[in-house]
mmCIF file of all heavy atoms, coordinates in Angstrom:
data_MODEL
# 
_entry.id   MODEL 
# 
loop_
_atom_site.group_PDB 
_atom_site.id 
_atom_site.type_symbol 
_atom_site.label_atom_id 
_atom_site.label_alt_id 
_atom_site.label_comp_id 
_atom_site.label_asym_id 
_atom_site.label_entity_id 
_atom_site.label_seq_id 
_atom_site.pdbx_PDB_ins_code 
_atom_site.Cartn_x 
_atom_site.Cartn_y 
_atom_site.Cartn_z 
_atom_site.occupancy 
_atom_site.B_iso_or_equiv 
_atom_site.pdbx_formal_charge 
_atom_site.auth_seq_id 
_atom_site.auth_comp_id 
_atom_site.auth_asym_id 
_atom_site.auth_atom_id 
_atom_site.pdbx_PDB_model_num 
ATOM 1   N N   . ALA A 1 1  ? 10.499  -14.839 -16.815 1.00 0.00 ? 1  ALA A N   1 
ATOM 2   C CA  . ALA A 1 1  ? 10.230  -13.788 -15.826 1.00 0.00 ? 1  ALA A CA  1 
ATOM 3   C C   . ALA A 1 1  ? 10.704  -14.248 -14.459 1.00 0.00 ? 1  ALA A C   1 
ATOM 4   O O   . ALA A 1 1  ? 10.901  -15.438 -14.225 1.00 0.00 ? 1  ALA A O   1 
ATOM 5   C CB  . ALA A 1 1  ? 8.736   -13.468 -15.791 1.00 0.00 ? 1  ALA A CB  1 
ATOM 6   N N   . PRO A 1 2  ? 10.877  -13.287 -13.536 1.00 0.00 ? 2  PRO A N   1 
ATOM 7   C CA  . PRO A 1 2  ? 11.262  -13.683 -12.174 1.00 0.00 ? 2  PRO A CA  1 
ATOM 8   C C   . PRO A 1 2  ? 10.167  -14.514 -11.542 1.00 0.00 ? 2  PRO A C   1 
ATOM 9   O O   . PRO A 1 2  ? 8.973   -14.319 -11.816 1.00 0.00 ? 2  PRO A O   1 
ATOM 10  C CB  . PRO A 1 2  ? 11.436  -12.340 -11.448 1.00 0.00 ? 2  PRO A CB  1 
ATOM 11  C CG  . PRO A 1 2  ? 11.620  -11.342 -12.531 1.00 0.00 ? 2  PRO A CG  1 
ATOM 12  C CD  . PRO A 1 2  ? 10.835  -11.838 -13.691 1.00 0.00 ? 2  PRO A CD  1 
ATOM 13  N N   . PRO A 1 3  ? 10.514  -15.488 -10.692 1.00 0.00 ? 3  PRO A N   1 
ATOM 14  C CA  . PRO A 1 3  ? 9.488   -16.289 -10.029 1.00 0.00 ? 3  PRO A CA  1 
ATOM 15  C C   . PRO A 1 3  ? 8.693   -15.458 -9.041  1.00 0.00 ? 3  PRO A C   1 
ATOM 16  O O   . PRO A 1 3  ? 9.169   -14.450 -8.529  1.00 0.00 ? 3  PRO A O   1 
ATOM 17  C CB  . PRO A 1 3  ? 10.300  -17.374 -9.305  1.00 0.00 ? 3  PRO A CB  1 
ATOM 18  C CG  . PRO A 1 3  ? 11.638  -16.741 -9.078  1.00 0.00 ? 3  PRO A CG  1 
ATOM 19  C CD  . PRO A 1 3  ? 11.874  -15.852 -10.266 1.00 0.00 ? 3  PRO A CD  1 
ATOM 20  N N   . VAL A 1 4  ? 7.483   -15.879 -8.778  1.00 0.00 ? 4  VAL A N   1 
ATOM 21  C CA  . VAL A 1 4  ? 6.616   -15.177 -7.836  1.00 0.00 ? 4  VAL A CA  1 
ATOM 22  C C   . VAL A 1 4  ? 7.010   -15.581 -6.428  1.00 0.00 ? 4  VAL A C   1 
ATOM 23  O O   . VAL A 1 4  ? 6.848   -16.725 -6.023  1.00 0.00 ? 4  VAL A O   1 
ATOM 24  C CB  . VAL A 1 4  ? 5.132   -15.503 -8.088  1.00 0.00 ? 4  VAL A CB  1 
ATOM 25  C CG1 . VAL A 1 4  ? 4.263   -14.799 -7.065  1.00 0.00 ? 4  VAL A CG1 1 
ATOM 26  C CG2 . VAL A 1 4  ? 4.745   -15.092 -9.496  1.00 0.00 ? 4  VAL A CG2 1 
ATOM 27  N N   . THR A 1 5  ? 7.575   -14.636 -5.688  1.00 0.00 ? 5  THR A N   1 
ATOM 28  C CA  . THR A 1 5  ? 7.950   -14.867 -4.304  1.00 0.00 ? 5  THR A CA  1 
ATOM 29  C C   . THR A 1 5  ? 7.050   -14.053 -3.406  1.00 0.00 ? 5  THR A C   1 
ATOM 30  O O   . THR A 1 5  ? 6.205   -13.286 -3.875  1.00 0.00 ? 5  THR A O   1 
ATOM 31  C CB  . THR A 1 5  ? 9.414   -14.478 -4.061  1.00 0.00 ? 5  THR A CB  1 
ATOM 32  O OG1 . THR A 1 5  ? 9.543   -13.075 -4.303  1.00 0.00 ? 5  THR A OG1 1 
ATOM 33  C CG2 . THR A 1 5  ? 10.341  -15.249 -4.975  1.00 0.00 ? 5  THR A CG2 1 
ATOM 34  N N   . GLU A 1 6  ? 7.271   -14.214 -2.092  1.00 0.00 ? 6  GLU A N   1 
ATOM 35  C CA  . GLU A 1 6  ? 6.459   -13.447 -1.143  1.00 0.00 ? 6  GLU A CA  1 
ATOM 36  C C   . GLU A 1 6  ? 6.678   -11.957 -1.341  1.00 0.00 ? 6  GLU A C   1 
ATOM 37  O O   . GLU A 1 6  ? 5.744   -11.170 -1.363  1.00 0.00 ? 6  GLU A O   1 
ATOM 38  C CB  . GLU A 1 6  ? 6.815   -13.855 0.287   1.00 0.00 ? 6  GLU A CB  1 
ATOM 39  C CG  . GLU A 1 6  ? 5.899   -13.236 1.335   1.00 0.00 ? 6  GLU A CG  1 
ATOM 40  C CD  . GLU A 1 6  ? 6.257   -13.694 2.739   1.00 0.00 ? 6  GLU A CD  1 
ATOM 41  O OE1 . GLU A 1 6  ? 7.405   -14.114 2.952   1.00 0.00 ? 6  GLU A OE1 1 
ATOM 42  O OE2 . GLU A 1 6  ? 5.378   -13.610 3.600   1.00 0.00 ? 6  GLU A OE2 1 
ATOM 43  N N   . ASP A 1 7  ? 7.954   -11.563 -1.559  1.00 0.00 ? 7  ASP A N   1 
ATOM 44  C CA  . ASP A 1 7  ? 8.244   -10.145 -1.752  1.00 0.00 ? 7  ASP A CA  1 
ATOM 45  C C   . ASP A 1 7  ? 7.601   -9.629  -3.027  1.00 0.00 ? 7  ASP A C   1 
ATOM 46  O O   . ASP A 1 7  ? 7.034   -8.537  -3.059  1.00 0.00 ? 7  ASP A O   1 
ATOM 47  C CB  . ASP A 1 7  ? 9.760   -9.924  -1.807  1.00 0.00 ? 7  ASP A CB  1 
ATOM 48  C CG  . ASP A 1 7  ? 10.387  -10.072 -0.433  1.00 0.00 ? 7  ASP A CG  1 
ATOM 49  O OD1 . ASP A 1 7  ? 9.630   -10.082 0.553   1.00 0.00 ? 7  ASP A OD1 1 
ATOM 50  O OD2 . ASP A 1 7  ? 11.627  -10.178 -0.371  1.00 0.00 ? 7  ASP A OD2 1 
ATOM 51  N N   . SER A 1 8  ? 7.695   -10.434 -4.122  1.00 0.00 ? 8  SER A N   1 
ATOM 52  C CA  . SER A 1 8  ? 7.123   -9.959  -5.384  1.00 0.00 ? 8  SER A CA  1 
ATOM 53  C C   . SER A 1 8  ? 5.611   -9.879  -5.289  1.00 0.00 ? 8  SER A C   1 
ATOM 54  O O   . SER A 1 8  ? 4.982   -9.041  -5.939  1.00 0.00 ? 8  SER A O   1 
ATOM 55  C CB  . SER A 1 8  ? 7.544   -10.890 -6.525  1.00 0.00 ? 8  SER A CB  1 
ATOM 56  O OG  . SER A 1 8  ? 7.058   -12.203 -6.312  1.00 0.00 ? 8  SER A OG  1 
ATOM 57  N N   . TYR A 1 9  ? 5.001   -10.764 -4.482  1.00 0.00 ? 9  TYR A N   1 
ATOM 58  C CA  . TYR A 1 9  ? 3.559   -10.679 -4.298  1.00 0.00 ? 9  TYR A CA  1 
ATOM 59  C C   . TYR A 1 9  ? 3.179   -9.340  -3.683  1.00 0.00 ? 9  TYR A C   1 
ATOM 60  O O   . TYR A 1 9  ? 2.260   -8.665  -4.154  1.00 0.00 ? 9  TYR A O   1 
ATOM 61  C CB  . TYR A 1 9  ? 3.076   -11.818 -3.408  1.00 0.00 ? 9  TYR A CB  1 
ATOM 62  C CG  . TYR A 1 9  ? 1.630   -11.660 -2.954  1.00 0.00 ? 9  TYR A CG  1 
ATOM 63  C CD1 . TYR A 1 9  ? 0.566   -11.940 -3.806  1.00 0.00 ? 9  TYR A CD1 1 
ATOM 64  C CD2 . TYR A 1 9  ? 1.349   -11.194 -1.666  1.00 0.00 ? 9  TYR A CD2 1 
ATOM 65  C CE1 . TYR A 1 9  ? -0.741  -11.779 -3.387  1.00 0.00 ? 9  TYR A CE1 1 
ATOM 66  C CE2 . TYR A 1 9  ? 0.045   -11.038 -1.244  1.00 0.00 ? 9  TYR A CE2 1 
ATOM 67  C CZ  . TYR A 1 9  ? -0.998  -11.342 -2.117  1.00 0.00 ? 9  TYR A CZ  1 
ATOM 68  O OH  . TYR A 1 9  ? -2.286  -11.166 -1.698  1.00 0.00 ? 9  TYR A OH  1 
ATOM 69  N N   . PHE A 1 10 ? 3.910   -8.944  -2.644  1.00 0.00 ? 10 PHE A N   1 
ATOM 70  C CA  . PHE A 1 10 ? 3.598   -7.666  -2.004  1.00 0.00 ? 10 PHE A CA  1 
ATOM 71  C C   . PHE A 1 10 ? 3.941   -6.505  -2.932  1.00 0.00 ? 10 PHE A C   1 
ATOM 72  O O   . PHE A 1 10 ? 3.268   -5.477  -2.915  1.00 0.00 ? 10 PHE A O   1 
ATOM 73  C CB  . PHE A 1 10 ? 4.349   -7.547  -0.672  1.00 0.00 ? 10 PHE A CB  1 
ATOM 74  C CG  . PHE A 1 10 ? 3.694   -8.309  0.439   1.00 0.00 ? 10 PHE A CG  1 
ATOM 75  C CD1 . PHE A 1 10 ? 4.115   -9.589  0.754   1.00 0.00 ? 10 PHE A CD1 1 
ATOM 76  C CD2 . PHE A 1 10 ? 2.645   -7.772  1.162   1.00 0.00 ? 10 PHE A CD2 1 
ATOM 77  C CE1 . PHE A 1 10 ? 3.512   -10.304 1.768   1.00 0.00 ? 10 PHE A CE1 1 
ATOM 78  C CE2 . PHE A 1 10 ? 2.036   -8.472  2.177   1.00 0.00 ? 10 PHE A CE2 1 
ATOM 79  C CZ  . PHE A 1 10 ? 2.468   -9.754  2.489   1.00 0.00 ? 10 PHE A CZ  1 
ATOM 80  N N   . ASP A 1 11 ? 5.001   -6.643  -3.743  1.00 0.00 ? 11 ASP A N   1 
ATOM 81  C CA  . ASP A 1 11 ? 5.308   -5.592  -4.720  1.00 0.00 ? 11 ASP A CA  1 
ATOM 82  C C   . ASP A 1 11 ? 4.170   -5.453  -5.716  1.00 0.00 ? 11 ASP A C   1 
ATOM 83  O O   . ASP A 1 11 ? 3.793   -4.345  -6.107  1.00 0.00 ? 11 ASP A O   1 
ATOM 84  C CB  . ASP A 1 11 ? 6.610   -5.927  -5.465  1.00 0.00 ? 11 ASP A CB  1 
ATOM 85  C CG  . ASP A 1 11 ? 7.826   -5.785  -4.559  1.00 0.00 ? 11 ASP A CG  1 
ATOM 86  O OD1 . ASP A 1 11 ? 7.695   -5.096  -3.534  1.00 0.00 ? 11 ASP A OD1 1 
ATOM 87  O OD2 . ASP A 1 11 ? 8.887   -6.355  -4.885  1.00 0.00 ? 11 ASP A OD2 1 
ATOM 88  N N   . GLU A 1 12 ? 3.598   -6.614  -6.133  1.00 0.00 ? 12 GLU A N   1 
ATOM 89  C CA  . GLU A 1 12 ? 2.489   -6.564  -7.073  1.00 0.00 ? 12 GLU A CA  1 
ATOM 90  C C   . GLU A 1 12 ? 1.273   -5.890  -6.442  1.00 0.00 ? 12 GLU A C   1 
ATOM 91  O O   . GLU A 1 12 ? 0.598   -5.077  -7.082  1.00 0.00 ? 12 GLU A O   1 
ATOM 92  C CB  . GLU A 1 12 ? 2.141   -7.982  -7.523  1.00 0.00 ? 12 GLU A CB  1 
ATOM 93  C CG  . GLU A 1 12 ? 1.014   -8.031  -8.546  1.00 0.00 ? 12 GLU A CG  1 
ATOM 94  C CD  . GLU A 1 12 ? 0.691   -9.450  -8.962  1.00 0.00 ? 12 GLU A CD  1 
ATOM 95  O OE1 . GLU A 1 12 ? 1.433   -10.365 -8.562  1.00 0.00 ? 12 GLU A OE1 1 
ATOM 96  O OE2 . GLU A 1 12 ? -0.312  -9.632  -9.677  1.00 0.00 ? 12 GLU A OE2 1 
ATOM 97  N N   . GLN A 1 13 ? 1.007   -6.221  -5.164  1.00 0.00 ? 13 GLN A N   1 
ATOM 98  C CA  . GLN A 1 13 ? -0.113  -5.591  -4.481  1.00 0.00 ? 13 GLN A CA  1 
ATOM 99  C C   . GLN A 1 13 ? 0.097   -4.088  -4.360  1.00 0.00 ? 13 GLN A C   1 
ATOM 100 O O   . GLN A 1 13 ? -0.829  -3.293  -4.531  1.00 0.00 ? 13 GLN A O   1 
ATOM 101 C CB  . GLN A 1 13 ? -0.291  -6.208  -3.091  1.00 0.00 ? 13 GLN A CB  1 
ATOM 102 C CG  . GLN A 1 13 ? -0.754  -7.660  -3.106  1.00 0.00 ? 13 GLN A CG  1 
ATOM 103 C CD  . GLN A 1 13 ? -2.095  -7.798  -3.813  1.00 0.00 ? 13 GLN A CD  1 
ATOM 104 O OE1 . GLN A 1 13 ? -2.158  -8.281  -4.948  1.00 0.00 ? 13 GLN A OE1 1 
ATOM 105 N NE2 . GLN A 1 13 ? -3.161  -7.366  -3.169  1.00 0.00 ? 13 GLN A NE2 1 
ATOM 106 N N   . LYS A 1 14 ? 1.344   -3.694  -4.097  1.00 0.00 ? 14 LYS A N   1 
ATOM 107 C CA  . LYS A 1 14 ? 1.652   -2.260  -3.999  1.00 0.00 ? 14 LYS A CA  1 
ATOM 108 C C   . LYS A 1 14 ? 1.408   -1.570  -5.339  1.00 0.00 ? 14 LYS A C   1 
ATOM 109 O O   . LYS A 1 14 ? 0.849   -0.469  -5.402  1.00 0.00 ? 14 LYS A O   1 
ATOM 110 C CB  . LYS A 1 14 ? 3.098   -2.086  -3.549  1.00 0.00 ? 14 LYS A CB  1 
ATOM 111 C CG  . LYS A 1 14 ? 3.542   -0.640  -3.458  1.00 0.00 ? 14 LYS A CG  1 
ATOM 112 C CD  . LYS A 1 14 ? 5.024   -0.580  -3.179  1.00 0.00 ? 14 LYS A CD  1 
ATOM 113 C CE  . LYS A 1 14 ? 5.513   0.853   -3.342  1.00 0.00 ? 14 LYS A CE  1 
ATOM 114 N NZ  . LYS A 1 14 ? 6.976   0.948   -3.241  1.00 0.00 ? 14 LYS A NZ  1 
ATOM 115 N N   . LEU A 1 15 ? 1.825   -2.232  -6.439  1.00 0.00 ? 15 LEU A N   1 
ATOM 116 C CA  . LEU A 1 15 ? 1.617   -1.644  -7.764  1.00 0.00 ? 15 LEU A CA  1 
ATOM 117 C C   . LEU A 1 15 ? 0.127   -1.529  -8.085  1.00 0.00 ? 15 LEU A C   1 
ATOM 118 O O   . LEU A 1 15 ? -0.307  -0.554  -8.712  1.00 0.00 ? 15 LEU A O   1 
ATOM 119 C CB  . LEU A 1 15 ? 2.322   -2.500  -8.822  1.00 0.00 ? 15 LEU A CB  1 
ATOM 120 C CG  . LEU A 1 15 ? 3.849   -2.432  -8.823  1.00 0.00 ? 15 LEU A CG  1 
ATOM 121 C CD1 . LEU A 1 15 ? 4.429   -3.443  -9.810  1.00 0.00 ? 15 LEU A CD1 1 
ATOM 122 C CD2 . LEU A 1 15 ? 4.326   -1.026  -9.167  1.00 0.00 ? 15 LEU A CD2 1 
ATOM 123 N N   . ARG A 1 16 ? -0.648  -2.528  -7.667  1.00 0.00 ? 16 ARG A N   1 
ATOM 124 C CA  . ARG A 1 16 ? -2.092  -2.445  -7.899  1.00 0.00 ? 16 ARG A CA  1 
ATOM 125 C C   . ARG A 1 16 ? -2.692  -1.246  -7.167  1.00 0.00 ? 16 ARG A C   1 
ATOM 126 O O   . ARG A 1 16 ? -3.549  -0.534  -7.713  1.00 0.00 ? 16 ARG A O   1 
ATOM 127 C CB  . ARG A 1 16 ? -2.770  -3.735  -7.428  1.00 0.00 ? 16 ARG A CB  1 
ATOM 128 C CG  . ARG A 1 16 ? -2.457  -4.958  -8.277  1.00 0.00 ? 16 ARG A CG  1 
ATOM 129 C CD  . ARG A 1 16 ? -3.182  -6.197  -7.748  1.00 0.00 ? 16 ARG A CD  1 
ATOM 130 N NE  . ARG A 1 16 ? -2.822  -7.392  -8.473  1.00 0.00 ? 16 ARG A NE  1 
ATOM 131 C CZ  . ARG A 1 16 ? -3.406  -7.784  -9.610  1.00 0.00 ? 16 ARG A CZ  1 
ATOM 132 N NH1 . ARG A 1 16 ? -4.377  -7.041  -10.127 1.00 0.00 ? 16 ARG A NH1 1 
ATOM 133 N NH2 . ARG A 1 16 ? -3.022  -8.887  -10.210 1.00 0.00 ? 16 ARG A NH2 1 
ATOM 134 N N   . MET A 1 17 ? -2.245  -1.024  -5.911  1.00 0.00 ? 17 MET A N   1 
ATOM 135 C CA  . MET A 1 17 ? -2.759  0.113   -5.147  1.00 0.00 ? 17 MET A CA  1 
ATOM 136 C C   . MET A 1 17 ? -2.355  1.426   -5.803  1.00 0.00 ? 17 MET A C   1 
ATOM 137 O O   . MET A 1 17 ? -3.161  2.360   -5.919  1.00 0.00 ? 17 MET A O   1 
ATOM 138 C CB  . MET A 1 17 ? -2.240  0.049   -3.714  1.00 0.00 ? 17 MET A CB  1 
ATOM 139 C CG  . MET A 1 17 ? -2.767  -1.132  -2.915  1.00 0.00 ? 17 MET A CG  1 
ATOM 140 S SD  . MET A 1 17 ? -2.019  -1.274  -1.280  1.00 0.00 ? 17 MET A SD  1 
ATOM 141 C CE  . MET A 1 17 ? -2.534  0.291   -0.567  1.00 0.00 ? 17 MET A CE  1 
ATOM 142 N N   . GLU A 1 18 ? -1.082  1.515   -6.243  1.00 0.00 ? 18 GLU A N   1 
ATOM 143 C CA  . GLU A 1 18 ? -0.635  2.738   -6.908  1.00 0.00 ? 18 GLU A CA  1 
ATOM 144 C C   . GLU A 1 18 ? -1.407  2.961   -8.205  1.00 0.00 ? 18 GLU A C   1 
ATOM 145 O O   . GLU A 1 18 ? -1.729  4.102   -8.563  1.00 0.00 ? 18 GLU A O   1 
ATOM 146 C CB  . GLU A 1 18 ? 0.864   2.655   -7.181  1.00 0.00 ? 18 GLU A CB  1 
ATOM 147 C CG  . GLU A 1 18 ? 1.724   2.719   -5.920  1.00 0.00 ? 18 GLU A CG  1 
ATOM 148 C CD  . GLU A 1 18 ? 3.203   2.644   -6.248  1.00 0.00 ? 18 GLU A CD  1 
ATOM 149 O OE1 . GLU A 1 18 ? 3.533   2.395   -7.432  1.00 0.00 ? 18 GLU A OE1 1 
ATOM 150 O OE2 . GLU A 1 18 ? 4.014   2.818   -5.315  1.00 0.00 ? 18 GLU A OE2 1 
ATOM 151 N N   . ASN A 1 19 ? -1.709  1.866   -8.922  1.00 0.00 ? 19 ASN A N   1 
ATOM 152 C CA  . ASN A 1 19 ? -2.454  1.985   -10.168 1.00 0.00 ? 19 ASN A CA  1 
ATOM 153 C C   . ASN A 1 19 ? -3.855  2.533   -9.914  1.00 0.00 ? 19 ASN A C   1 
ATOM 154 O O   . ASN A 1 19 ? -4.356  3.388   -10.654 1.00 0.00 ? 19 ASN A O   1 
ATOM 155 C CB  . ASN A 1 19 ? -2.523  0.616   -10.848 1.00 0.00 ? 19 ASN A CB  1 
ATOM 156 C CG  . ASN A 1 19 ? -3.092  0.701   -12.260 1.00 0.00 ? 19 ASN A CG  1 
ATOM 157 O OD1 . ASN A 1 19 ? -2.835  1.653   -12.983 1.00 0.00 ? 19 ASN A OD1 1 
ATOM 158 N ND2 . ASN A 1 19 ? -3.879  -0.292  -12.644 1.00 0.00 ? 19 ASN A ND2 1 
ATOM 159 N N   . ALA A 1 20 ? -4.493  2.034   -8.837  1.00 0.00 ? 20 ALA A N   1 
ATOM 160 C CA  . ALA A 1 20 ? -5.827  2.535   -8.496  1.00 0.00 ? 20 ALA A CA  1 
ATOM 161 C C   . ALA A 1 20 ? -5.785  4.015   -8.129  1.00 0.00 ? 20 ALA A C   1 
ATOM 162 O O   . ALA A 1 20 ? -6.669  4.793   -8.516  1.00 0.00 ? 20 ALA A O   1 
ATOM 163 C CB  . ALA A 1 20 ? -6.410  1.715   -7.342  1.00 0.00 ? 20 ALA A CB  1 
ATOM 164 N N   . GLN A 1 21 ? -4.729  4.423   -7.397  1.00 0.00 ? 21 GLN A N   1 
ATOM 165 C CA  . GLN A 1 21 ? -4.594  5.836   -7.035  1.00 0.00 ? 21 GLN A CA  1 
ATOM 166 C C   . GLN A 1 21 ? -4.405  6.700   -8.275  1.00 0.00 ? 21 GLN A C   1 
ATOM 167 O O   . GLN A 1 21 ? -4.952  7.797   -8.381  1.00 0.00 ? 21 GLN A O   1 
ATOM 168 C CB  . GLN A 1 21 ? -3.437  6.012   -6.058  1.00 0.00 ? 21 GLN A CB  1 
ATOM 169 C CG  . GLN A 1 21 ? -3.677  5.388   -4.696  1.00 0.00 ? 21 GLN A CG  1 
ATOM 170 C CD  . GLN A 1 21 ? -2.468  5.474   -3.800  1.00 0.00 ? 21 GLN A CD  1 
ATOM 171 O OE1 . GLN A 1 21 ? -1.409  5.929   -4.220  1.00 0.00 ? 21 GLN A OE1 1 
ATOM 172 N NE2 . GLN A 1 21 ? -2.615  5.045   -2.549  1.00 0.00 ? 21 GLN A NE2 1 
ATOM 173 N N   . LEU A 1 22 ? -3.599  6.195   -9.225  1.00 0.00 ? 22 LEU A N   1 
ATOM 174 C CA  . LEU A 1 22 ? -3.370  6.963   -10.453 1.00 0.00 ? 22 LEU A CA  1 
ATOM 175 C C   . LEU A 1 22 ? -4.651  7.092   -11.277 1.00 0.00 ? 22 LEU A C   1 
ATOM 176 O O   . LEU A 1 22 ? -4.903  8.139   -11.899 1.00 0.00 ? 22 LEU A O   1 
ATOM 177 C CB  . LEU A 1 22 ? -2.267  6.293   -11.283 1.00 0.00 ? 22 LEU A CB  1 
ATOM 178 C CG  . LEU A 1 22 ? -0.842  6.391   -10.719 1.00 0.00 ? 22 LEU A CG  1 
ATOM 179 C CD1 . LEU A 1 22 ? 0.112   5.547   -11.542 1.00 0.00 ? 22 LEU A CD1 1 
ATOM 180 C CD2 . LEU A 1 22 ? -0.381  7.843   -10.692 1.00 0.00 ? 22 LEU A CD2 1 
ATOM 181 N N   . LYS A 1 23 ? -5.468  6.029   -11.275 1.00 0.00 ? 23 LYS A N   1 
ATOM 182 C CA  . LYS A 1 23 ? -6.739  6.123   -11.998 1.00 0.00 ? 23 LYS A CA  1 
ATOM 183 C C   . LYS A 1 23 ? -7.649  7.169   -11.370 1.00 0.00 ? 23 LYS A C   1 
ATOM 184 O O   . LYS A 1 23 ? -8.316  7.934   -12.071 1.00 0.00 ? 23 LYS A O   1 
ATOM 185 C CB  . LYS A 1 23 ? -7.423  4.753   -12.006 1.00 0.00 ? 23 LYS A CB  1 
ATOM 186 C CG  . LYS A 1 23 ? -6.781  3.757   -12.969 1.00 0.00 ? 23 LYS A CG  1 
ATOM 187 C CD  . LYS A 1 23 ? -7.547  2.435   -12.995 1.00 0.00 ? 23 LYS A CD  1 
ATOM 188 C CE  . LYS A 1 23 ? -6.941  1.475   -13.991 1.00 0.00 ? 23 LYS A CE  1 
ATOM 189 N NZ  . LYS A 1 23 ? -7.658  0.177   -14.028 1.00 0.00 ? 23 LYS A NZ  1 
ATOM 190 N N   . GLU A 1 24 ? -7.675  7.186   -10.024 1.00 0.00 ? 24 GLU A N   1 
ATOM 191 C CA  . GLU A 1 24 ? -8.478  8.208   -9.350  1.00 0.00 ? 24 GLU A CA  1 
ATOM 192 C C   . GLU A 1 24 ? -7.957  9.600   -9.670  1.00 0.00 ? 24 GLU A C   1 
ATOM 193 O O   . GLU A 1 24 ? -8.742  10.533  -9.890  1.00 0.00 ? 24 GLU A O   1 
ATOM 194 C CB  . GLU A 1 24 ? -8.453  7.972   -7.840  1.00 0.00 ? 24 GLU A CB  1 
ATOM 195 C CG  . GLU A 1 24 ? -9.167  6.702   -7.407  1.00 0.00 ? 24 GLU A CG  1 
ATOM 196 C CD  . GLU A 1 24 ? -9.070  6.486   -5.908  1.00 0.00 ? 24 GLU A CD  1 
ATOM 197 O OE1 . GLU A 1 24 ? -8.466  7.346   -5.233  1.00 0.00 ? 24 GLU A OE1 1 
ATOM 198 O OE2 . GLU A 1 24 ? -9.594  5.482   -5.426  1.00 0.00 ? 24 GLU A OE2 1 
ATOM 199 N N   . GLU A 1 25 ? -6.639  9.755   -9.715  1.00 0.00 ? 25 GLU A N   1 
ATOM 200 C CA  . GLU A 1 25 ? -6.053  11.054  -10.054 1.00 0.00 ? 25 GLU A CA  1 
ATOM 201 C C   . GLU A 1 25 ? -6.432  11.460  -11.471 1.00 0.00 ? 25 GLU A C   1 
ATOM 202 O O   . GLU A 1 25 ? -6.766  12.606  -11.746 1.00 0.00 ? 25 GLU A O   1 
ATOM 203 C CB  . GLU A 1 25 ? -4.524  10.967  -9.915  1.00 0.00 ? 25 GLU A CB  1 
ATOM 204 C CG  . GLU A 1 25 ? -3.756  12.219  -10.299 1.00 0.00 ? 25 GLU A CG  1 
ATOM 205 C CD  . GLU A 1 25 ? -3.816  13.291  -9.224  1.00 0.00 ? 25 GLU A CD  1 
ATOM 206 O OE1 . GLU A 1 25 ? -4.329  13.007  -8.129  1.00 0.00 ? 25 GLU A OE1 1 
ATOM 207 O OE2 . GLU A 1 25 ? -3.350  14.405  -9.504  1.00 0.00 ? 25 GLU A OE2 1 
ATOM 208 N N   . LEU A 1 26 ? -6.399  10.491  -12.395 1.00 0.00 ? 26 LEU A N   1 
ATOM 209 C CA  . LEU A 1 26 ? -6.759  10.782  -13.783 1.00 0.00 ? 26 LEU A CA  1 
ATOM 210 C C   . LEU A 1 26 ? -8.213  11.206  -13.890 1.00 0.00 ? 26 LEU A C   1 
ATOM 211 O O   . LEU A 1 26 ? -8.554  12.158  -14.606 1.00 0.00 ? 26 LEU A O   1 
ATOM 212 C CB  . LEU A 1 26 ? -6.484  9.552   -14.649 1.00 0.00 ? 26 LEU A CB  1 
ATOM 213 C CG  . LEU A 1 26 ? -6.841  9.688   -16.138 1.00 0.00 ? 26 LEU A CG  1 
ATOM 214 C CD1 . LEU A 1 26 ? -6.051  10.814  -16.781 1.00 0.00 ? 26 LEU A CD1 1 
ATOM 215 C CD2 . LEU A 1 26 ? -6.575  8.380   -16.868 1.00 0.00 ? 26 LEU A CD2 1 
ATOM 216 N N   . ASP A 1 27 ? -9.104  10.501  -13.171 1.00 0.00 ? 27 ASP A N   1 
ATOM 217 C CA  . ASP A 1 27 ? -10.521 10.875  -13.205 1.00 0.00 ? 27 ASP A CA  1 
ATOM 218 C C   . ASP A 1 27 ? -10.731 12.276  -12.645 1.00 0.00 ? 27 ASP A C   1 
ATOM 219 O O   . ASP A 1 27 ? -11.538 13.058  -13.171 1.00 0.00 ? 27 ASP A O   1 
ATOM 220 C CB  . ASP A 1 27 ? -11.344 9.872   -12.393 1.00 0.00 ? 27 ASP A CB  1 
ATOM 221 C CG  . ASP A 1 27 ? -11.372 8.493   -13.046 1.00 0.00 ? 27 ASP A CG  1 
ATOM 222 O OD1 . ASP A 1 27 ? -11.081 8.409   -14.256 1.00 0.00 ? 27 ASP A OD1 1 
ATOM 223 O OD2 . ASP A 1 27 ? -11.661 7.506   -12.332 1.00 0.00 ? 27 ASP A OD2 1 
# 
């Protein structure tokens, strides 16, 4: 897998936020 860089860390945080929003939308 790609190494964890500063950019990928923020991308992961962004995906977590989007995932939480999608869960709220689903509920």
